[in-house]
Amino acid sequence: MSNKQIPIIVGAVAVAFSVLLYFIFRNGGDESNYSWQEHYEPDSKDPYGTYLVRNLLETYYPGQSFEVVADSLGERLDSGSFVYVGNNFWLDSLSLIQLLHFVEEGNRAFIACPYIPQNLLDSLNDLSCVNEDEYSHSSTVFSGNLYHLTDTVVNMNLQHPSLADPKGYKLKRLFLRKPVQYEWSYMPEEYFCEAQTSLTKLGTINEEHTNFLSIAYGKGEFLLHTTPLAFTNLHLVEKRGLDYASKAFSHLKPGPIYWDESPYNPFDNYAGNNPDGPKESPLKYILKQPALAWAWYILLGMAVLYLVFRAKRRQRVIPVLEKNTNTSLEFIGTIGRLFFIQNNHRQLASQKMRLFLIFVRERYHLSTKELNEQFAKSLATRSEVSEDHIQKILNLNRNISNSGHLSEYTLVDFHRLMEKFYRECR
């Protein structure tokens, strides 16, 4: 590269960076102070803050107290309803015990979050479906891993006849007031089997997917909602959005409301153990101010340009790195060998069948609740593996589940059937 070319390249990169910054801040006017990120901050009037819903709940039950929980739950919950609206809900061991005790005494906890805490679900009643014909648990165990559908707009509604709306409630994910693709979380339908009596559907998304349900616990209930966007400022400024939120909160227990504002990660430096609650980080404040944000991005751009042209002259030869190994497969192999050494062939076969069903659900989007002839036909059509081979897998799995002893020869046959399916499936 000649010395005459360097200024041209620097100028081109600077122009491109300036154009990028222009598009970042092109919304202009008052909206330049808005953040279109899903931060769910209760004091923010940004589109995806929760300023309006907090004010709604403060006066939802006239004459009742409204208390803000800014750190660990501790022992402050007496009676009423606990409410959390956010993107991540974190519970330490003490807060988890306190929340479970609070609900068990006959109260309710409303949690609007696209990711349900697994430690909370593990502490609830048995949330798995049981196949009575096989006397074994199926793979439809309620976990925090929810399903998603991708779209710019969805239609929500409530299940109770007195709360349902004939037209439903449309919800969009906007960025700079333009619809964008978004992953909407919902609970898989196989969670609601006939054997499961502690789960109740309260609301749906696109009519067929459940995004709002209650889980009975003791004398109370956990109300889980997987679409917290429905409770943000952008949607509560609309009359229908406010109507949906008001009806959803009608499932709360009349009385005091405990509004959770605790940070997702309690080990953040800015949260610490400050009794006044978490503070806003300096960088977040800078990005909210247009002038400071411009200065910050320009500084970052200059640093990038410096590193690019500095590395052009000083960069050393990049060494060849070893290819990353798949440690998860090694872990599975170790567990398999452990079961084999202990002669626990039934447990090893059960694990292999469980992984097989997970593979089928994720790759072919088939329900594994009923492992019957219709399931075998559907799987054969989608995987292009013969129906006879799939039926052999299902029959052998049924025999293994019903038998009291499993020989290593049967386990080897089961393994070979599985491997053949994985090799031939499409």
Protein backbone atom coordinates (compact mmCIF):
# COMPACT_ATOMS: atom_id res chain seq x y z
CA MET A 1 0.00 0.00 0.00
CA SER A 2 1.48 3.36 -1.06
CA ASN A 3 1.52 6.45 1.17
CA LYS A 4 -0.89 8.20 -1.24
CA GLN A 5 -3.53 5.54 -0.73
CA ILE A 6 -3.64 5.82 3.07
CA PRO A 7 -5.43 9.24 3.24
CA ILE A 8 -8.00 8.03 0.69
CA ILE A 9 -8.78 4.93 2.73
CA VAL A 10 -8.96 6.91 5.98
CA GLY A 11 -11.35 9.40 4.39
CA ALA A 12 -13.57 6.64 2.97
CA VAL A 13 -13.81 4.88 6.33
CA ALA A 14 -14.59 8.19 8.09
CA VAL A 15 -17.40 8.95 5.63
CA ALA A 16 -18.85 5.46 6.00
CA PHE A 17 -18.73 5.76 9.78
CA SER A 18 -20.46 9.16 9.65
CA VAL A 19 -23.23 7.74 7.47
CA LEU A 20 -23.67 4.89 9.96
CA LEU A 21 -24.03 7.34 12.83
CA TYR A 22 -26.55 9.35 10.81
CA PHE A 23 -28.79 6.32 10.39
CA ILE A 24 -28.44 5.46 14.08
CA PHE A 25 -29.76 8.88 15.12
CA ARG A 26 -31.91 9.74 12.09
CA ASN A 27 -35.19 9.46 14.00
CA GLY A 28 -34.46 13.03 15.21
CA GLY A 29 -36.73 15.32 17.28
CA ASP A 30 -37.80 14.23 20.71
CA GLU A 31 -37.49 10.55 19.75
CA SER A 32 -33.70 10.90 19.64
CA ASN A 33 -33.83 10.66 23.43
CA TYR A 34 -35.67 7.33 23.28
CA SER A 35 -34.05 3.94 23.61
CA TRP A 36 -35.81 1.26 21.59
CA GLN A 37 -34.16 -1.55 23.52
CA GLU A 38 -36.16 -3.86 25.83
CA HIS A 39 -34.76 -2.66 29.13
CA TYR A 40 -38.07 -2.65 31.14
CA GLU A 41 -36.84 0.12 33.43
CA PRO A 42 -39.66 1.25 35.75
CA ASP A 43 -38.61 4.92 35.78
CA SER A 44 -38.17 5.14 32.01
CA LYS A 45 -40.70 6.57 29.55
CA ASP A 46 -38.92 4.86 26.66
CA PRO A 47 -41.15 2.67 24.43
CA TYR A 48 -40.08 -0.48 26.26
CA GLY A 49 -39.89 0.90 29.78
CA THR A 50 -42.46 -0.02 32.45
CA TYR A 51 -43.27 3.43 33.80
CA LEU A 52 -46.97 3.21 32.88
CA VAL A 53 -47.61 -0.30 34.15
CA ARG A 54 -46.04 0.52 37.50
CA ASN A 55 -48.28 3.58 37.82
CA LEU A 56 -51.26 1.42 36.84
CA LEU A 57 -50.51 -1.07 39.61
CA GLU A 58 -49.95 1.65 42.20
CA THR A 59 -53.65 2.50 42.02
CA TYR A 60 -55.01 -0.86 40.88
CA TYR A 61 -56.45 -1.68 44.30
CA PRO A 62 -57.47 1.62 45.93
CA GLY A 63 -56.55 1.85 49.57
CA GLN A 64 -54.00 -0.97 49.34
CA SER A 65 -50.26 -0.50 49.69
CA PHE A 66 -47.79 -0.65 46.80
CA GLU A 67 -44.26 -1.64 47.82
CA VAL A 68 -41.15 -1.66 45.61
CA VAL A 69 -38.75 -4.57 46.04
CA ALA A 70 -35.34 -3.27 44.93
CA ASP A 71 -33.09 -6.10 46.10
CA SER A 72 -33.53 -9.56 47.66
CA LEU A 73 -37.07 -10.38 48.76
CA GLY A 74 -35.88 -11.02 52.28
CA GLU A 75 -38.83 -11.29 54.67
CA ARG A 76 -40.88 -8.30 53.49
CA LEU A 77 -43.74 -10.18 51.78
CA ASP A 78 -46.82 -10.50 53.95
CA SER A 79 -50.00 -10.96 51.91
CA GLY A 80 -51.21 -9.91 48.45
CA SER A 81 -49.57 -10.20 45.03
CA PHE A 82 -45.96 -10.16 43.78
CA VAL A 83 -45.40 -8.70 40.28
CA TYR A 84 -42.34 -8.82 38.02
CA VAL A 85 -42.19 -7.54 34.42
CA GLY A 86 -38.85 -7.81 32.63
CA ASN A 87 -36.56 -9.69 30.30
CA ASN A 88 -34.73 -11.82 32.90
CA PHE A 89 -35.99 -12.91 36.30
CA TRP A 90 -33.26 -13.96 38.73
CA LEU A 91 -33.90 -15.53 42.14
CA ASP A 92 -31.22 -16.27 44.70
CA SER A 93 -31.82 -19.08 47.17
CA LEU A 94 -33.21 -16.82 49.91
CA SER A 95 -35.56 -14.97 47.55
CA LEU A 96 -36.74 -18.26 46.05
CA ILE A 97 -37.64 -19.69 49.46
CA GLN A 98 -39.43 -16.50 50.44
CA LEU A 99 -41.41 -16.35 47.18
CA LEU A 100 -42.46 -20.00 47.42
CA HIS A 101 -43.59 -19.51 51.02
CA PHE A 102 -45.47 -16.35 50.01
CA VAL A 103 -47.46 -18.17 47.30
CA GLU A 104 -47.97 -21.31 49.38
CA GLU A 105 -49.79 -19.25 52.01
CA GLY A 106 -52.51 -18.35 49.49
CA ASN A 107 -51.01 -15.40 47.61
CA ARG A 108 -50.16 -14.94 43.93
CA ALA A 109 -46.97 -14.17 42.00
CA PHE A 110 -47.31 -12.60 38.53
CA ILE A 111 -44.12 -13.06 36.46
CA ALA A 112 -44.03 -11.64 32.91
CA CYS A 113 -40.77 -12.83 31.39
CA PRO A 114 -39.79 -14.67 28.15
CA TYR A 115 -37.43 -16.90 30.15
CA ILE A 116 -38.90 -18.69 33.17
CA PRO A 117 -36.31 -19.34 35.94
CA GLN A 118 -35.52 -23.05 36.04
CA ASN A 119 -34.79 -23.06 39.77
CA LEU A 120 -38.33 -21.79 40.37
CA LEU A 121 -39.88 -24.50 38.19
CA ASP A 122 -37.77 -27.16 39.86
CA SER A 123 -39.16 -26.11 43.23
CA LEU A 124 -42.82 -26.33 42.21
CA ASN A 125 -45.04 -29.41 42.20
CA ASP A 126 -44.46 -32.25 39.72
CA LEU A 127 -44.91 -30.56 36.33
CA SER A 128 -44.27 -33.58 34.11
CA CYS A 129 -46.76 -35.62 32.10
CA VAL A 130 -46.97 -39.35 32.85
CA ASN A 131 -47.69 -42.04 30.26
CA GLU A 132 -49.76 -44.52 32.28
CA ASP A 133 -49.44 -47.28 29.64
CA GLU A 134 -45.67 -47.36 29.98
CA TYR A 135 -45.42 -46.54 33.70
CA SER A 136 -42.67 -44.08 32.97
CA HIS A 137 -42.30 -40.34 32.66
CA SER A 138 -42.44 -39.00 29.15
CA SER A 139 -40.06 -36.32 27.91
CA THR A 140 -42.64 -33.53 28.24
CA VAL A 141 -41.21 -32.11 31.44
CA PHE A 142 -41.97 -28.45 32.10
CA SER A 143 -38.73 -26.50 31.84
CA GLY A 144 -37.68 -22.90 31.34
CA ASN A 145 -36.88 -23.56 27.67
CA LEU A 146 -39.91 -22.20 25.84
CA TYR A 147 -40.86 -22.42 22.18
CA HIS A 148 -40.77 -19.38 19.89
CA LEU A 149 -42.55 -18.15 16.79
CA THR A 150 -41.05 -15.42 14.62
CA ASP A 151 -43.27 -12.63 13.28
CA THR A 152 -43.70 -8.85 13.32
CA VAL A 153 -47.20 -8.93 14.83
CA VAL A 154 -49.18 -11.41 16.93
CA ASN A 155 -52.71 -11.55 18.27
CA MET A 156 -53.14 -12.13 22.01
CA ASN A 157 -56.26 -12.95 23.97
CA LEU A 158 -57.41 -14.15 27.38
CA GLN A 159 -59.16 -17.45 27.99
CA HIS A 160 -61.82 -16.57 30.54
CA PRO A 161 -65.13 -15.77 28.79
CA SER A 162 -65.60 -12.56 30.77
CA LEU A 163 -62.08 -11.36 29.84
CA ALA A 164 -61.73 -12.57 26.24
CA ASP A 165 -62.11 -10.06 23.42
CA PRO A 166 -63.80 -11.12 20.14
CA LYS A 167 -61.08 -9.47 18.05
CA GLY A 168 -58.14 -10.17 20.34
CA TYR A 169 -55.30 -7.75 21.06
CA LYS A 170 -52.65 -7.14 18.39
CA LEU A 171 -49.10 -6.69 19.57
CA LYS A 172 -46.14 -5.49 17.49
CA ARG A 173 -42.41 -5.26 18.10
CA LEU A 174 -41.37 -1.83 16.80
CA PHE A 175 -37.98 -0.25 16.33
CA LEU A 176 -37.96 3.44 15.44
CA ARG A 177 -41.73 3.01 14.98
CA LYS A 178 -41.26 0.38 12.27
CA PRO A 179 -42.31 -3.29 12.73
CA VAL A 180 -39.42 -5.74 12.98
CA GLN A 181 -39.19 -9.52 13.22
CA TYR A 182 -39.36 -10.79 16.79
CA GLU A 183 -39.25 -14.14 18.58
CA TRP A 184 -42.44 -14.52 20.64
CA SER A 185 -42.19 -17.06 23.46
CA TYR A 186 -44.94 -19.54 24.33
CA MET A 187 -45.46 -22.77 26.27
CA PRO A 188 -45.48 -26.02 24.26
CA GLU A 189 -48.90 -27.65 24.05
CA GLU A 190 -47.63 -31.01 25.33
CA TYR A 191 -47.22 -29.48 28.81
CA PHE A 192 -51.01 -29.49 29.17
CA CYS A 193 -51.69 -33.22 29.26
CA GLU A 194 -54.68 -34.86 30.92
CA ALA A 195 -52.54 -36.08 33.80
CA GLN A 196 -51.42 -32.53 34.55
CA THR A 197 -53.92 -30.74 36.81
CA SER A 198 -51.80 -27.97 38.33
CA LEU A 199 -51.51 -25.97 35.06
CA THR A 200 -54.35 -23.79 33.78
CA LYS A 201 -54.36 -21.82 30.51
CA LEU A 202 -55.15 -18.15 31.02
CA GLY A 203 -54.15 -16.58 27.70
CA THR A 204 -53.05 -17.37 24.16
CA ILE A 205 -50.96 -15.93 21.37
CA ASN A 206 -52.21 -16.38 17.78
CA GLU A 207 -55.10 -18.42 19.27
CA GLU A 208 -53.19 -21.73 19.31
CA HIS A 209 -50.17 -21.05 21.56
CA THR A 210 -50.32 -20.50 25.33
CA ASN A 211 -48.43 -17.46 26.62
CA PHE A 212 -50.24 -17.00 29.95
CA LEU A 213 -50.91 -19.74 32.51
CA SER A 214 -51.27 -20.37 36.22
CA ILE A 215 -49.48 -23.02 38.27
CA ALA A 216 -51.17 -23.99 41.51
CA TYR A 217 -48.81 -24.10 44.48
CA GLY A 218 -50.10 -24.67 47.98
CA LYS A 219 -53.03 -22.35 48.55
CA GLY A 220 -51.84 -19.82 45.96
CA GLU A 221 -50.82 -19.58 42.32
CA PHE A 222 -47.90 -18.59 40.11
CA LEU A 223 -49.11 -16.57 37.10
CA LEU A 224 -46.55 -16.89 34.27
CA HIS A 225 -46.74 -14.64 31.20
CA THR A 226 -44.17 -15.07 28.41
CA THR A 227 -44.91 -11.76 26.61
CA PRO A 228 -43.70 -8.88 28.80
CA LEU A 229 -43.84 -6.54 25.78
CA ALA A 230 -47.60 -6.36 26.39
CA PHE A 231 -46.93 -4.41 29.61
CA THR A 232 -44.49 -1.80 28.28
CA ASN A 233 -45.15 1.91 27.73
CA LEU A 234 -45.51 1.59 23.95
CA HIS A 235 -48.54 -0.65 24.27
CA LEU A 236 -50.14 0.81 27.38
CA VAL A 237 -50.48 4.24 25.75
CA GLU A 238 -53.05 2.59 23.46
CA LYS A 239 -56.53 2.06 24.87
CA ARG A 240 -56.67 -1.59 23.86
CA GLY A 241 -53.21 -2.27 25.25
CA LEU A 242 -54.26 -0.77 28.58
CA ASP A 243 -57.45 -2.85 28.49
CA TYR A 244 -55.45 -6.07 28.00
CA ALA A 245 -53.05 -5.27 30.85
CA SER A 246 -55.91 -4.38 33.21
CA LYS A 247 -57.69 -7.66 32.46
CA ALA A 248 -54.49 -9.69 32.83
CA PHE A 249 -53.88 -8.16 36.26
CA SER A 250 -57.42 -9.05 37.32
CA HIS A 251 -55.96 -12.50 38.15
CA LEU A 252 -54.01 -10.91 41.02
CA LYS A 253 -55.16 -11.32 44.59
CA PRO A 254 -56.87 -8.14 45.88
CA GLY A 255 -54.63 -6.52 48.43
CA PRO A 256 -51.09 -5.10 48.64
CA ILE A 257 -48.87 -5.35 45.56
CA TYR A 258 -45.11 -6.00 45.71
CA TRP A 259 -43.43 -4.63 42.56
CA ASP A 260 -40.04 -6.21 41.87
CA GLU A 261 -37.29 -3.89 40.58
CA SER A 262 -34.30 -6.01 41.59
CA PRO A 263 -31.50 -6.20 38.98
CA TYR A 264 -31.07 -9.37 36.94
CA ASN A 265 -27.43 -9.78 38.00
CA PRO A 266 -27.03 -8.85 41.68
CA PHE A 267 -23.24 -9.00 41.38
CA ASP A 268 -23.04 -5.97 39.05
CA ASN A 269 -20.75 -3.31 40.49
CA TYR A 270 -23.36 -0.60 40.15
CA ALA A 271 -25.94 -2.66 42.06
CA GLY A 272 -23.80 -3.86 44.94
CA ASN A 273 -25.40 -3.76 48.37
CA ASN A 274 -26.61 -0.17 48.11
CA PRO A 275 -29.74 0.10 50.30
CA ASP A 276 -31.15 2.69 47.87
CA GLY A 277 -31.36 0.08 45.07
CA PRO A 278 -29.48 -0.24 41.76
CA LYS A 279 -28.14 2.89 40.10
CA GLU A 280 -27.96 3.74 36.42
CA SER A 281 -24.58 3.04 34.88
CA PRO A 282 -22.59 6.01 33.46
CA LEU A 283 -22.52 4.50 29.95
CA LYS A 284 -26.31 4.15 29.90
CA TYR A 285 -26.66 7.82 30.79
CA ILE A 286 -24.18 8.81 28.04
CA LEU A 287 -26.08 6.85 25.38
CA LYS A 288 -29.35 8.53 26.36
CA GLN A 289 -27.92 12.00 25.64
CA PRO A 290 -27.58 12.64 21.86
CA ALA A 291 -24.53 14.91 22.11
CA LEU A 292 -22.67 12.57 24.48
CA ALA A 293 -23.68 9.56 22.40
CA TRP A 294 -22.24 11.19 19.25
CA ALA A 295 -18.98 11.88 21.09
CA TRP A 296 -18.84 8.30 22.39
CA TYR A 297 -19.37 6.71 18.97
CA ILE A 298 -16.87 9.05 17.31
CA LEU A 299 -14.31 8.14 19.98
CA LEU A 300 -14.94 4.45 19.34
CA GLY A 301 -14.59 5.02 15.58
CA MET A 302 -11.26 6.79 16.00
CA ALA A 303 -10.04 3.97 18.23
CA VAL A 304 -11.05 1.39 15.60
CA LEU A 305 -9.27 3.33 12.84
CA TYR A 306 -6.13 3.58 14.98
CA LEU A 307 -6.15 -0.15 15.69
CA VAL A 308 -6.74 -1.03 12.02
CA PHE A 309 -3.81 0.98 10.67
CA ARG A 310 -1.60 0.27 13.66
CA ALA A 311 -2.13 -3.48 13.25
CA LYS A 312 -1.29 -3.17 9.54
CA ARG A 313 2.34 -2.50 10.41
CA ARG A 314 2.76 -4.32 13.74
CA GLN A 315 0.64 -7.45 13.41
CA ARG A 316 2.51 -10.68 13.98
CA VAL A 317 1.93 -13.96 12.22
CA ILE A 318 -1.27 -15.48 13.53
CA PRO A 319 -0.53 -18.96 14.92
CA VAL A 320 -2.59 -21.93 13.82
CA LEU A 321 -5.00 -22.89 16.58
CA GLU A 322 -6.20 -26.37 17.23
CA LYS A 323 -9.74 -27.13 16.18
CA ASN A 324 -12.26 -26.86 19.00
CA THR A 325 -13.54 -30.17 20.26
CA ASN A 326 -17.15 -30.88 21.08
CA THR A 327 -16.89 -31.42 24.85
CA SER A 328 -20.62 -31.98 25.14
CA LEU A 329 -20.26 -35.20 23.14
CA GLU A 330 -17.39 -36.26 25.39
CA PHE A 331 -19.60 -35.64 28.42
CA ILE A 332 -22.40 -37.77 26.95
CA GLY A 333 -19.90 -40.51 26.18
CA THR A 334 -18.54 -40.40 29.74
CA ILE A 335 -22.03 -40.68 31.24
CA GLY A 336 -22.84 -43.54 28.86
CA ARG A 337 -19.70 -45.45 29.85
CA LEU A 338 -20.54 -44.87 33.54
CA PHE A 339 -24.02 -46.40 33.11
CA PHE A 340 -22.52 -49.28 31.09
CA ILE A 341 -19.86 -50.05 33.73
CA GLN A 342 -22.54 -50.05 36.44
CA ASN A 343 -24.64 -52.46 34.32
CA ASN A 344 -27.41 -49.86 34.40
CA HIS A 345 -28.53 -50.73 30.91
CA ARG A 346 -32.13 -49.61 31.39
CA GLN A 347 -31.04 -46.11 32.42
CA LEU A 348 -28.69 -45.86 29.44
CA ALA A 349 -31.46 -46.98 27.07
CA SER A 350 -33.86 -44.47 28.65
CA GLN A 351 -31.33 -41.66 28.11
CA LYS A 352 -30.82 -42.68 24.47
CA MET A 353 -34.60 -42.67 23.87
CA ARG A 354 -34.90 -39.29 25.54
CA LEU A 355 -32.20 -37.81 23.26
CA PHE A 356 -33.93 -39.41 20.26
CA LEU A 357 -37.27 -37.75 21.11
CA ILE A 358 -35.59 -34.38 21.66
CA PHE A 359 -33.92 -34.74 18.24
CA VAL A 360 -37.29 -35.51 16.62
CA ARG A 361 -39.03 -32.52 18.23
CA GLU A 362 -36.31 -30.03 17.36
CA ARG A 363 -35.61 -31.24 13.80
CA TYR A 364 -39.04 -32.31 12.58
CA HIS A 365 -41.33 -30.36 14.96
CA LEU A 366 -43.39 -33.41 15.81
CA SER A 367 -45.19 -33.98 19.10
CA THR A 368 -43.76 -36.95 21.01
CA LYS A 369 -46.63 -37.21 23.46
CA GLU A 370 -48.13 -40.26 21.76
CA LEU A 371 -45.62 -42.76 20.30
CA ASN A 372 -48.17 -44.61 18.14
CA GLU A 373 -48.52 -45.66 14.50
CA GLN A 374 -49.50 -42.15 13.41
CA PHE A 375 -46.30 -40.81 14.99
CA ALA A 376 -44.26 -43.45 13.12
CA LYS A 377 -45.90 -42.56 9.80
CA SER A 378 -45.35 -38.82 10.28
CA LEU A 379 -41.71 -39.31 11.29
CA ALA A 380 -41.09 -41.65 8.36
CA THR A 381 -42.51 -39.07 5.94
CA ARG A 382 -40.39 -36.22 7.26
CA SER A 383 -37.15 -38.09 7.92
CA GLU A 384 -37.33 -40.36 4.83
CA VAL A 385 -36.49 -43.34 7.03
CA SER A 386 -38.64 -46.42 6.54
CA GLU A 387 -41.68 -46.70 8.76
CA ASP A 388 -40.74 -50.29 9.54
CA HIS A 389 -37.39 -49.19 11.00
CA ILE A 390 -39.03 -46.49 13.13
CA GLN A 391 -41.61 -49.00 14.37
CA LYS A 392 -38.77 -51.32 15.43
CA ILE A 393 -37.30 -48.52 17.55
CA LEU A 394 -40.66 -47.81 19.20
CA ASN A 395 -41.43 -51.49 19.83
CA LEU A 396 -38.01 -52.18 21.33
CA ASN A 397 -38.30 -49.07 23.54
CA ARG A 398 -41.73 -50.30 24.72
CA ASN A 399 -40.29 -53.73 25.54
CA ILE A 400 -37.38 -52.17 27.43
CA SER A 401 -39.74 -49.98 29.48
CA ASN A 402 -41.95 -52.93 30.42
CA SER A 403 -39.17 -55.42 31.17
CA GLY A 404 -37.52 -55.77 34.55
CA HIS A 405 -34.07 -56.58 33.16
CA LEU A 406 -32.18 -55.41 30.08
CA SER A 407 -29.27 -57.41 28.70
CA GLU A 408 -26.30 -55.79 27.03
CA TYR A 409 -27.16 -57.56 23.77
CA THR A 410 -30.58 -55.89 23.69
CA LEU A 411 -28.92 -52.57 24.50
CA VAL A 412 -26.52 -53.04 21.57
CA ASP A 413 -29.44 -53.80 19.23
CA PHE A 414 -31.24 -50.66 20.45
CA HIS A 415 -28.08 -48.59 19.89
CA ARG A 416 -27.67 -49.93 16.33
CA LEU A 417 -31.27 -49.09 15.45
CA MET A 418 -30.73 -45.53 16.70
CA GLU A 419 -27.46 -45.12 14.79
CA LYS A 420 -29.03 -46.36 11.58
CA PHE A 421 -31.82 -43.81 11.93
CA TYR A 422 -29.35 -40.94 12.48
CA ARG A 423 -27.33 -41.99 9.39
CA GLU A 424 -30.31 -42.28 7.07
CA CYS A 425 -32.54 -39.41 8.22
CA ARG A 426 -32.85 -36.26 6.14
